[in-house]
């Protein structure tokens, strides 16, 4: 199978992107559970909150989370926490530059969190030649493997 290269980088595989996303979600889920427990809530209240019907406040939380994650992690890691753990990074599709400005990271992560409520944007990657999700297409980004020294 031929490796897909772009701007001198190997595109991240669908599987590696999935593992990075799942790892990040598990880490943030554990942190949210700890916050719930510190605030004196129970684990059943935490699960109830996760399983509740979608409300406007959920979209607001998703937007705020995306802004926070993107503006903190992109300048540090050129991507999110899952990307860092799996040695991936986000680059501009147009010129291959590192995608590490806080405002750009905030926009990309916000789109990812908001669009995750819809099915098509998160499964788009399954048929995309460049392993991009819909939010990657909108922000003109690619997820690639970091170059090894």
N, C-alpha and C. Protein backbone atom coordinates (compact mmCIF):
# COMPACT_ATOMS: atom_id res chain seq x y z
N UNK A 1 0.83 -1.18 0.00
CA UNK A 1 0.00 0.00 0.00
C UNK A 1 0.88 1.25 0.00
N UNK A 2 0.59 2.18 -0.85
CA UNK A 2 1.39 3.38 -1.02
C UNK A 2 1.10 4.39 0.09
N UNK A 3 2.16 4.95 0.67
CA UNK A 3 2.00 6.00 1.68
C UNK A 3 1.66 7.31 0.98
N UNK A 4 0.68 8.01 1.49
CA UNK A 4 0.30 9.29 0.91
C UNK A 4 1.12 10.39 1.56
N UNK A 5 1.81 11.14 0.74
CA UNK A 5 2.66 12.24 1.20
C UNK A 5 2.07 13.58 0.77
N UNK A 6 2.28 14.57 1.60
CA UNK A 6 1.88 15.93 1.24
C UNK A 6 2.77 16.91 1.99
N UNK A 7 3.27 17.89 1.30
CA UNK A 7 4.15 18.91 1.89
C UNK A 7 5.30 18.29 2.68
N UNK A 8 5.77 17.11 2.25
CA UNK A 8 6.89 16.46 2.93
C UNK A 8 6.50 15.65 4.15
N UNK A 9 5.22 15.49 4.40
CA UNK A 9 4.72 14.72 5.55
C UNK A 9 3.90 13.53 5.07
N UNK A 10 3.84 12.51 5.90
CA UNK A 10 2.96 11.38 5.65
C UNK A 10 1.61 11.71 6.28
N UNK A 11 0.53 11.56 5.51
CA UNK A 11 -0.80 11.78 6.06
C UNK A 11 -1.07 10.77 7.17
N UNK A 12 -1.72 11.24 8.24
CA UNK A 12 -2.10 10.34 9.33
C UNK A 12 -3.17 9.39 8.83
N UNK A 13 -3.06 8.14 9.23
CA UNK A 13 -4.05 7.14 8.81
C UNK A 13 -5.38 7.36 9.54
N UNK A 14 -6.42 6.81 8.98
CA UNK A 14 -7.74 6.88 9.62
C UNK A 14 -7.70 6.25 11.00
N UNK A 15 -7.02 5.10 11.11
CA UNK A 15 -6.93 4.40 12.38
C UNK A 15 -6.19 5.19 13.45
N UNK A 16 -5.09 5.81 13.05
CA UNK A 16 -4.30 6.59 14.01
C UNK A 16 -5.09 7.82 14.47
N UNK A 17 -5.83 8.43 13.54
CA UNK A 17 -6.67 9.58 13.91
C UNK A 17 -7.77 9.15 14.87
N UNK A 18 -8.36 7.98 14.63
CA UNK A 18 -9.40 7.48 15.52
C UNK A 18 -8.84 7.21 16.91
N UNK A 19 -7.70 6.57 16.99
CA UNK A 19 -7.08 6.29 18.29
C UNK A 19 -6.74 7.59 19.03
N UNK A 20 -6.24 8.57 18.31
CA UNK A 20 -5.91 9.86 18.94
C UNK A 20 -7.17 10.52 19.48
N UNK A 21 -8.25 10.48 18.71
CA UNK A 21 -9.52 11.10 19.15
C UNK A 21 -10.09 10.37 20.36
N UNK A 22 -10.08 9.03 20.32
CA UNK A 22 -10.61 8.25 21.45
C UNK A 22 -9.79 8.48 22.72
N UNK A 23 -8.46 8.49 22.57
CA UNK A 23 -7.59 8.72 23.73
C UNK A 23 -7.86 10.08 24.35
N UNK A 24 -7.99 11.10 23.52
CA UNK A 24 -8.27 12.44 24.02
C UNK A 24 -9.62 12.48 24.73
N UNK A 25 -10.64 11.85 24.15
CA UNK A 25 -11.97 11.84 24.77
C UNK A 25 -11.96 11.12 26.11
N UNK A 26 -11.23 10.02 26.21
CA UNK A 26 -11.14 9.29 27.48
C UNK A 26 -10.47 10.15 28.53
N UNK A 27 -9.38 10.81 28.17
CA UNK A 27 -8.67 11.68 29.13
C UNK A 27 -9.58 12.80 29.61
N UNK A 28 -10.26 13.49 28.66
CA UNK A 28 -11.14 14.58 29.06
C UNK A 28 -12.37 14.07 29.82
N UNK A 29 -12.83 12.88 29.49
CA UNK A 29 -13.95 12.29 30.23
C UNK A 29 -13.59 12.03 31.68
N UNK A 30 -12.38 11.51 31.90
CA UNK A 30 -11.91 11.28 33.26
C UNK A 30 -11.78 12.60 34.01
N UNK A 31 -11.24 13.62 33.35
CA UNK A 31 -11.13 14.94 33.99
C UNK A 31 -12.50 15.50 34.35
N UNK A 32 -13.47 15.35 33.46
CA UNK A 32 -14.82 15.84 33.75
C UNK A 32 -15.44 15.07 34.92
N UNK A 33 -15.22 13.77 34.97
CA UNK A 33 -15.71 12.97 36.09
C UNK A 33 -15.09 13.45 37.40
N UNK A 34 -13.80 13.71 37.39
CA UNK A 34 -13.13 14.21 38.59
C UNK A 34 -13.70 15.56 39.03
N UNK A 35 -13.97 16.43 38.06
CA UNK A 35 -14.57 17.73 38.39
C UNK A 35 -15.94 17.53 39.03
N UNK A 36 -16.74 16.63 38.47
CA UNK A 36 -18.05 16.32 39.04
C UNK A 36 -17.90 15.86 40.49
N UNK A 37 -16.95 14.95 40.73
CA UNK A 37 -16.76 14.42 42.07
C UNK A 37 -16.27 15.48 43.04
N UNK A 38 -15.36 16.34 42.58
CA UNK A 38 -14.86 17.44 43.42
C UNK A 38 -15.99 18.39 43.79
N UNK A 39 -16.93 18.60 42.86
CA UNK A 39 -18.07 19.48 43.12
C UNK A 39 -19.14 18.81 43.98
N UNK A 40 -18.89 17.59 44.42
CA UNK A 40 -19.82 16.91 45.31
C UNK A 40 -20.94 16.17 44.61
N UNK A 41 -20.82 15.97 43.32
CA UNK A 41 -21.83 15.22 42.58
C UNK A 41 -21.45 13.75 42.57
N UNK A 42 -22.40 12.91 42.20
CA UNK A 42 -22.16 11.47 42.17
C UNK A 42 -21.84 11.01 40.75
N UNK A 43 -21.31 9.79 40.66
CA UNK A 43 -21.03 9.24 39.33
C UNK A 43 -22.32 9.02 38.54
N UNK A 44 -23.41 8.70 39.22
CA UNK A 44 -24.67 8.51 38.50
C UNK A 44 -25.17 9.84 37.93
N UNK A 45 -24.93 10.95 38.62
CA UNK A 45 -25.28 12.27 38.07
C UNK A 45 -24.43 12.59 36.84
N UNK A 46 -23.17 12.16 36.89
CA UNK A 46 -22.29 12.36 35.75
C UNK A 46 -22.81 11.59 34.54
N UNK A 47 -23.16 10.31 34.72
CA UNK A 47 -23.67 9.49 33.61
C UNK A 47 -25.00 10.02 33.10
N UNK A 48 -25.84 10.50 34.03
CA UNK A 48 -27.13 11.08 33.61
C UNK A 48 -26.91 12.30 32.73
N UNK A 49 -25.92 13.12 33.08
CA UNK A 49 -25.62 14.32 32.29
C UNK A 49 -25.11 13.92 30.90
N UNK A 50 -24.32 12.87 30.83
CA UNK A 50 -23.81 12.40 29.54
C UNK A 50 -24.92 11.83 28.65
N UNK A 51 -25.90 11.21 29.27
CA UNK A 51 -26.96 10.53 28.52
C UNK A 51 -28.21 11.37 28.33
N UNK A 52 -28.17 12.62 28.72
CA UNK A 52 -29.36 13.46 28.58
C UNK A 52 -29.60 13.85 27.13
N UNK A 53 -30.80 14.28 26.83
CA UNK A 53 -31.14 14.73 25.48
C UNK A 53 -30.34 15.98 25.14
N UNK A 54 -30.04 16.14 23.86
CA UNK A 54 -29.29 17.30 23.39
C UNK A 54 -30.08 18.58 23.65
N UNK A 55 -29.42 19.53 24.26
CA UNK A 55 -30.02 20.83 24.54
C UNK A 55 -29.08 21.92 24.05
N UNK A 56 -29.61 23.12 23.96
CA UNK A 56 -28.80 24.25 23.50
C UNK A 56 -27.56 24.46 24.36
N UNK A 57 -27.67 24.20 25.66
CA UNK A 57 -26.54 24.38 26.55
C UNK A 57 -25.40 23.42 26.18
N UNK A 58 -25.76 22.23 25.66
CA UNK A 58 -24.74 21.29 25.23
C UNK A 58 -23.91 21.85 24.08
N UNK A 59 -24.58 22.52 23.16
CA UNK A 59 -23.86 23.16 22.05
C UNK A 59 -22.95 24.27 22.56
N UNK A 60 -23.42 25.01 23.56
CA UNK A 60 -22.61 26.08 24.14
C UNK A 60 -21.38 25.50 24.84
N UNK A 61 -21.58 24.40 25.58
CA UNK A 61 -20.43 23.73 26.23
C UNK A 61 -19.45 23.21 25.19
N UNK A 62 -19.95 22.65 24.12
CA UNK A 62 -19.08 22.14 23.06
C UNK A 62 -18.28 23.26 22.41
N UNK A 63 -18.94 24.37 22.17
CA UNK A 63 -18.26 25.52 21.58
C UNK A 63 -17.17 26.04 22.53
N UNK A 64 -17.51 26.18 23.81
CA UNK A 64 -16.53 26.66 24.79
C UNK A 64 -15.36 25.70 24.93
N UNK A 65 -15.66 24.40 24.94
CA UNK A 65 -14.60 23.40 25.04
C UNK A 65 -13.68 23.46 23.83
N UNK A 66 -14.26 23.58 22.65
CA UNK A 66 -13.45 23.69 21.43
C UNK A 66 -12.54 24.90 21.45
N UNK A 67 -13.09 26.03 21.86
CA UNK A 67 -12.30 27.26 21.93
C UNK A 67 -11.15 27.08 22.92
N UNK A 68 -11.44 26.53 24.09
CA UNK A 68 -10.43 26.35 25.13
C UNK A 68 -9.33 25.38 24.67
N UNK A 69 -9.73 24.22 24.17
CA UNK A 69 -8.75 23.22 23.74
C UNK A 69 -7.90 23.75 22.59
N UNK A 70 -8.56 24.33 21.58
CA UNK A 70 -7.83 24.83 20.43
C UNK A 70 -6.87 25.95 20.76
N UNK A 71 -7.30 26.88 21.60
CA UNK A 71 -6.44 28.03 21.89
C UNK A 71 -5.29 27.68 22.83
N UNK A 72 -5.42 26.63 23.60
CA UNK A 72 -4.33 26.22 24.49
C UNK A 72 -3.38 25.23 23.82
N UNK A 73 -3.93 24.16 23.23
CA UNK A 73 -3.10 23.08 22.74
C UNK A 73 -2.46 23.33 21.38
N UNK A 74 -3.12 24.04 20.49
CA UNK A 74 -2.55 24.24 19.15
C UNK A 74 -1.23 25.02 19.18
N UNK A 75 -1.11 26.10 19.96
CA UNK A 75 0.20 26.76 20.01
C UNK A 75 1.29 25.87 20.63
N UNK A 76 0.89 24.98 21.56
CA UNK A 76 1.87 24.11 22.22
C UNK A 76 2.24 22.89 21.37
N UNK A 77 1.22 22.24 20.79
CA UNK A 77 1.43 20.94 20.15
C UNK A 77 1.16 20.92 18.65
N UNK A 78 0.74 22.03 18.06
CA UNK A 78 0.31 22.08 16.65
C UNK A 78 -0.80 21.06 16.42
N UNK A 79 -1.70 21.00 17.36
CA UNK A 79 -2.84 20.09 17.32
C UNK A 79 -3.39 19.91 18.71
N UNK A 80 -4.22 18.91 18.89
CA UNK A 80 -4.81 18.70 20.22
C UNK A 80 -4.01 17.66 21.02
N UNK A 81 -4.49 17.31 22.19
CA UNK A 81 -3.78 16.39 23.07
C UNK A 81 -3.63 15.00 22.45
N UNK A 82 -4.67 14.51 21.79
CA UNK A 82 -4.59 13.21 21.12
C UNK A 82 -3.55 13.20 20.02
N UNK A 83 -3.48 14.31 19.29
CA UNK A 83 -2.45 14.42 18.25
C UNK A 83 -1.06 14.32 18.87
N UNK A 84 -0.84 15.02 19.96
CA UNK A 84 0.48 15.02 20.61
C UNK A 84 0.86 13.61 21.07
N UNK A 85 -0.07 12.92 21.69
CA UNK A 85 0.20 11.58 22.21
C UNK A 85 0.58 10.62 21.08
N UNK A 86 -0.08 10.75 19.93
CA UNK A 86 0.17 9.84 18.81
C UNK A 86 1.13 10.41 17.76
N UNK A 87 1.84 11.47 18.14
CA UNK A 87 2.86 12.08 17.28
C UNK A 87 2.29 12.53 15.93
N UNK A 88 1.14 13.19 16.01
CA UNK A 88 0.50 13.77 14.85
C UNK A 88 0.51 15.28 15.00
N UNK A 89 0.26 15.98 13.91
CA UNK A 89 0.10 17.42 13.99
C UNK A 89 -0.79 17.89 12.86
N UNK A 90 -1.28 19.11 12.99
CA UNK A 90 -2.18 19.69 12.01
C UNK A 90 -1.39 20.72 11.20
N UNK A 91 -1.54 20.63 9.86
CA UNK A 91 -0.88 21.58 8.98
C UNK A 91 -1.91 22.18 8.03
N UNK A 92 -1.53 23.29 7.43
CA UNK A 92 -2.36 23.91 6.41
C UNK A 92 -2.31 23.06 5.15
N UNK A 93 -3.47 22.78 4.60
CA UNK A 93 -3.53 22.02 3.35
C UNK A 93 -2.94 22.82 2.19
N UNK A 94 -3.06 24.14 2.27
CA UNK A 94 -2.63 24.99 1.18
C UNK A 94 -1.11 25.11 1.05
N UNK A 95 -0.41 25.29 2.18
CA UNK A 95 1.03 25.53 2.10
C UNK A 95 1.89 24.65 3.01
N UNK A 96 1.27 23.79 3.81
CA UNK A 96 2.02 22.88 4.68
C UNK A 96 2.54 23.51 5.96
N UNK A 97 2.20 24.76 6.23
CA UNK A 97 2.64 25.41 7.47
C UNK A 97 1.96 24.77 8.67
N UNK A 98 2.69 24.77 9.80
CA UNK A 98 2.10 24.28 11.05
C UNK A 98 0.87 25.12 11.39
N UNK A 99 -0.15 24.47 11.86
CA UNK A 99 -1.42 25.11 12.21
C UNK A 99 -1.42 25.33 13.71
N UNK A 100 -0.69 26.37 14.17
CA UNK A 100 -0.48 26.52 15.60
C UNK A 100 -0.91 27.86 16.18
N UNK A 101 -1.66 28.65 15.44
CA UNK A 101 -2.16 29.89 16.01
C UNK A 101 -3.38 29.58 16.89
N UNK A 102 -3.47 30.20 18.06
CA UNK A 102 -4.56 29.88 18.98
C UNK A 102 -5.95 30.09 18.38
N UNK A 103 -6.11 31.17 17.62
CA UNK A 103 -7.45 31.45 17.05
C UNK A 103 -7.82 30.41 15.99
N UNK A 104 -6.85 29.96 15.22
CA UNK A 104 -7.13 28.94 14.21
C UNK A 104 -7.44 27.60 14.88
N UNK A 105 -6.69 27.26 15.91
CA UNK A 105 -6.96 26.04 16.66
C UNK A 105 -8.32 26.08 17.31
N UNK A 106 -8.70 27.24 17.85
CA UNK A 106 -10.01 27.39 18.49
C UNK A 106 -11.13 27.19 17.48
N UNK A 107 -10.97 27.73 16.29
CA UNK A 107 -12.00 27.57 15.25
C UNK A 107 -12.10 26.11 14.83
N UNK A 108 -10.95 25.47 14.58
CA UNK A 108 -10.96 24.07 14.11
C UNK A 108 -11.57 23.15 15.16
N UNK A 109 -11.15 23.29 16.42
CA UNK A 109 -11.68 22.43 17.47
C UNK A 109 -13.15 22.72 17.75
N UNK A 110 -13.57 23.97 17.66
CA UNK A 110 -14.98 24.32 17.84
C UNK A 110 -15.84 23.67 16.77
N UNK A 111 -15.38 23.77 15.53
CA UNK A 111 -16.11 23.11 14.43
C UNK A 111 -16.18 21.60 14.67
N UNK A 112 -15.08 21.02 15.12
CA UNK A 112 -15.06 19.58 15.38
C UNK A 112 -16.09 19.21 16.44
N UNK A 113 -16.14 19.97 17.53
CA UNK A 113 -17.07 19.66 18.62
C UNK A 113 -18.52 19.90 18.22
N UNK A 114 -18.79 20.98 17.54
CA UNK A 114 -20.17 21.30 17.14
C UNK A 114 -20.65 20.32 16.07
N UNK A 115 -19.81 20.07 15.05
CA UNK A 115 -20.22 19.18 13.97
C UNK A 115 -20.32 17.72 14.41
N UNK A 116 -19.74 17.39 15.55
CA UNK A 116 -19.81 15.99 16.02
C UNK A 116 -21.23 15.58 16.39
N UNK A 117 -22.12 16.54 16.56
CA UNK A 117 -23.53 16.21 16.84
C UNK A 117 -24.24 15.70 15.59
N UNK A 118 -23.65 15.92 14.44
CA UNK A 118 -24.20 15.41 13.19
C UNK A 118 -23.40 14.18 12.78
N UNK A 119 -23.98 13.28 12.06
CA UNK A 119 -23.28 12.05 11.71
C UNK A 119 -22.31 12.22 10.54
N UNK A 120 -22.73 12.85 9.48
CA UNK A 120 -21.91 12.94 8.26
C UNK A 120 -20.53 13.56 8.51
N UNK A 121 -20.41 14.66 9.24
CA UNK A 121 -19.07 15.25 9.41
C UNK A 121 -18.06 14.32 10.08
N UNK A 122 -18.51 13.46 10.99
CA UNK A 122 -17.53 12.62 11.68
C UNK A 122 -17.22 11.34 10.92
N UNK A 123 -18.07 10.94 9.97
CA UNK A 123 -17.76 9.75 9.18
C UNK A 123 -17.23 10.11 7.80
N UNK A 124 -17.14 11.38 7.51
CA UNK A 124 -16.62 11.86 6.22
C UNK A 124 -15.26 11.23 5.92
N UNK A 125 -14.46 11.08 6.95
CA UNK A 125 -13.09 10.56 6.81
C UNK A 125 -13.07 9.18 6.16
N UNK A 126 -14.14 8.42 6.30
CA UNK A 126 -14.16 7.05 5.79
C UNK A 126 -13.99 6.98 4.27
N UNK A 127 -14.45 7.99 3.56
CA UNK A 127 -14.34 7.95 2.10
C UNK A 127 -13.45 9.05 1.53
N UNK A 128 -12.76 9.78 2.38
CA UNK A 128 -11.92 10.88 1.91
C UNK A 128 -10.51 10.39 1.59
N UNK A 129 -9.99 10.77 0.42
CA UNK A 129 -8.65 10.35 -0.01
C UNK A 129 -7.53 10.90 0.86
N UNK A 130 -7.77 12.05 1.48
CA UNK A 130 -6.73 12.68 2.30
C UNK A 130 -6.97 12.46 3.80
N UNK A 131 -7.88 11.54 4.13
CA UNK A 131 -8.21 11.22 5.52
C UNK A 131 -8.66 12.46 6.30
N UNK A 132 -9.43 13.30 5.63
CA UNK A 132 -9.94 14.52 6.26
C UNK A 132 -11.38 14.32 6.71
N UNK A 133 -11.72 14.95 7.82
CA UNK A 133 -13.11 15.08 8.25
C UNK A 133 -13.66 16.36 7.64
N UNK A 134 -14.95 16.59 7.79
CA UNK A 134 -15.56 17.78 7.21
C UNK A 134 -14.96 19.05 7.78
N UNK A 135 -14.66 19.06 9.09
CA UNK A 135 -14.06 20.26 9.68
C UNK A 135 -12.65 20.51 9.15
N UNK A 136 -11.94 19.44 8.73
CA UNK A 136 -10.65 19.62 8.07
C UNK A 136 -10.84 20.30 6.72
N UNK A 137 -11.87 19.88 6.00
CA UNK A 137 -12.17 20.48 4.70
C UNK A 137 -12.50 21.97 4.86
N UNK A 138 -13.33 22.28 5.86
CA UNK A 138 -13.74 23.67 6.08
C UNK A 138 -12.55 24.55 6.44
N UNK A 139 -11.67 24.05 7.31
CA UNK A 139 -10.52 24.85 7.76
C UNK A 139 -9.29 24.67 6.88
N UNK A 140 -9.41 23.82 5.85
CA UNK A 140 -8.31 23.55 4.91
C UNK A 140 -7.06 23.07 5.65
N UNK A 141 -7.28 22.02 6.46
CA UNK A 141 -6.18 21.44 7.24
C UNK A 141 -6.02 19.97 6.93
N UNK A 142 -4.84 19.46 7.24
CA UNK A 142 -4.52 18.05 7.13
C UNK A 142 -3.90 17.61 8.45
N UNK A 143 -4.14 16.37 8.83
CA UNK A 143 -3.47 15.80 10.00
C UNK A 143 -2.40 14.86 9.45
N UNK A 144 -1.17 15.12 9.88
CA UNK A 144 -0.02 14.38 9.38
C UNK A 144 0.80 13.82 10.54
N UNK A 145 1.67 12.89 10.22
CA UNK A 145 2.60 12.38 11.22
C UNK A 145 3.77 13.34 11.35
N UNK A 146 4.19 13.57 12.59
CA UNK A 146 5.34 14.44 12.80
C UNK A 146 6.57 13.80 12.17
N UNK A 147 7.45 14.63 11.67
CA UNK A 147 8.69 14.10 11.09
C UNK A 147 9.58 13.62 12.23
N UNK A 148 10.17 12.45 12.02
CA UNK A 148 11.08 11.89 13.02
C UNK A 148 12.49 12.40 12.74
N UNK A 149 13.15 12.84 13.78
CA UNK A 149 14.53 13.37 13.64
C UNK A 149 15.49 12.26 13.34
